[in-house]
């Protein structure tokens, strides 16, 4: 099982909004460059502990942050 996951987002502004939402919700996250094997869109992804994926996805959905995908890293 992967230790980390990444949230892919459609734009830099969406990545910054996701960072704010997740930090305010108490999740331990970090902005990282998007791994090129996953996407060539926005250059920023949100890294999180893979065990937290359901909570992270729920927090982003509740805040209506547009997400391109959530993947294991």
Protein backbone atom coordinates (compact mmCIF):
# COMPACT_ATOMS: atom_id res chain seq x y z
CA UNK A 1 0.00 0.00 0.00
CA UNK A 2 1.20 3.52 -0.79
CA UNK A 3 2.33 5.75 2.04
CA UNK A 4 1.18 8.93 0.28
CA UNK A 5 -1.44 10.01 -2.18
CA UNK A 6 -1.83 13.06 -4.37
CA UNK A 7 -4.79 15.20 -5.29
CA UNK A 8 -4.58 16.42 -8.89
CA UNK A 9 -6.22 19.77 -9.50
CA UNK A 10 -7.13 21.69 -12.67
CA UNK A 11 -5.32 24.93 -11.81
CA UNK A 12 -2.89 26.58 -9.43
CA UNK A 13 -5.73 28.53 -7.82
CA UNK A 14 -7.60 25.27 -7.15
CA UNK A 15 -4.44 23.80 -5.60
CA UNK A 16 -4.06 26.80 -3.30
CA UNK A 17 -7.73 26.61 -2.33
CA UNK A 18 -7.41 22.88 -1.64
CA UNK A 19 -4.37 23.56 0.53
CA UNK A 20 -6.29 26.12 2.58
CA UNK A 21 -9.39 23.91 2.95
CA UNK A 22 -7.40 20.85 4.01
CA UNK A 23 -5.16 22.73 6.44
CA UNK A 24 -8.17 24.37 8.08
CA UNK A 25 -9.76 20.91 8.39
CA UNK A 26 -6.63 19.69 10.21
CA UNK A 27 -5.19 17.37 7.57
CA UNK A 28 -1.42 17.08 7.23
CA UNK A 29 -0.75 17.98 3.59
CA UNK A 30 1.99 19.42 1.41
CA UNK A 31 2.02 21.07 -2.00
CA UNK A 32 4.34 19.26 -4.40
CA UNK A 33 5.10 19.32 -8.13
CA UNK A 34 2.74 17.01 -10.03
CA UNK A 35 4.45 13.73 -10.89
CA UNK A 36 4.66 13.79 -14.72
CA UNK A 37 3.50 10.17 -14.96
CA UNK A 38 0.15 11.29 -13.52
CA UNK A 39 -0.60 14.55 -15.34
CA UNK A 40 0.80 17.40 -17.37
CA UNK A 41 -1.93 19.91 -16.40
CA UNK A 42 -1.51 22.12 -13.35
CA UNK A 43 2.03 21.93 -11.99
CA UNK A 44 0.98 21.67 -8.33
CA UNK A 45 -0.55 18.72 -6.49
CA UNK A 46 -1.50 18.17 -2.85
CA UNK A 47 0.29 15.30 -1.13
CA UNK A 48 -1.38 13.61 1.86
CA UNK A 49 -1.16 10.39 3.85
CA UNK A 50 -2.89 7.70 1.75
CA UNK A 51 -4.67 6.40 4.86
CA UNK A 52 -6.48 9.78 5.03
CA UNK A 53 -7.83 9.64 1.44
CA UNK A 54 -11.52 9.33 2.33
CA UNK A 55 -11.44 12.28 4.73
CA UNK A 56 -9.40 14.40 2.33
CA UNK A 57 -11.80 13.65 -0.54
CA UNK A 58 -14.80 14.44 1.67
CA UNK A 59 -13.33 17.76 2.88
CA UNK A 60 -12.63 18.85 -0.71
CA UNK A 61 -16.11 17.79 -1.89
CA UNK A 62 -17.81 19.67 0.95
CA UNK A 63 -15.82 22.81 0.07
CA UNK A 64 -16.68 22.29 -3.61
CA UNK A 65 -13.03 22.25 -4.69
CA UNK A 66 -12.78 20.89 -8.24
CA UNK A 67 -10.52 17.83 -8.32
CA UNK A 68 -9.08 16.08 -11.39
CA UNK A 69 -8.25 12.92 -9.47
CA UNK A 70 -6.87 11.32 -6.33
CA UNK A 71 -4.07 8.79 -6.82
CA UNK A 72 -1.60 6.77 -4.74
CA UNK A 73 1.92 8.11 -4.97
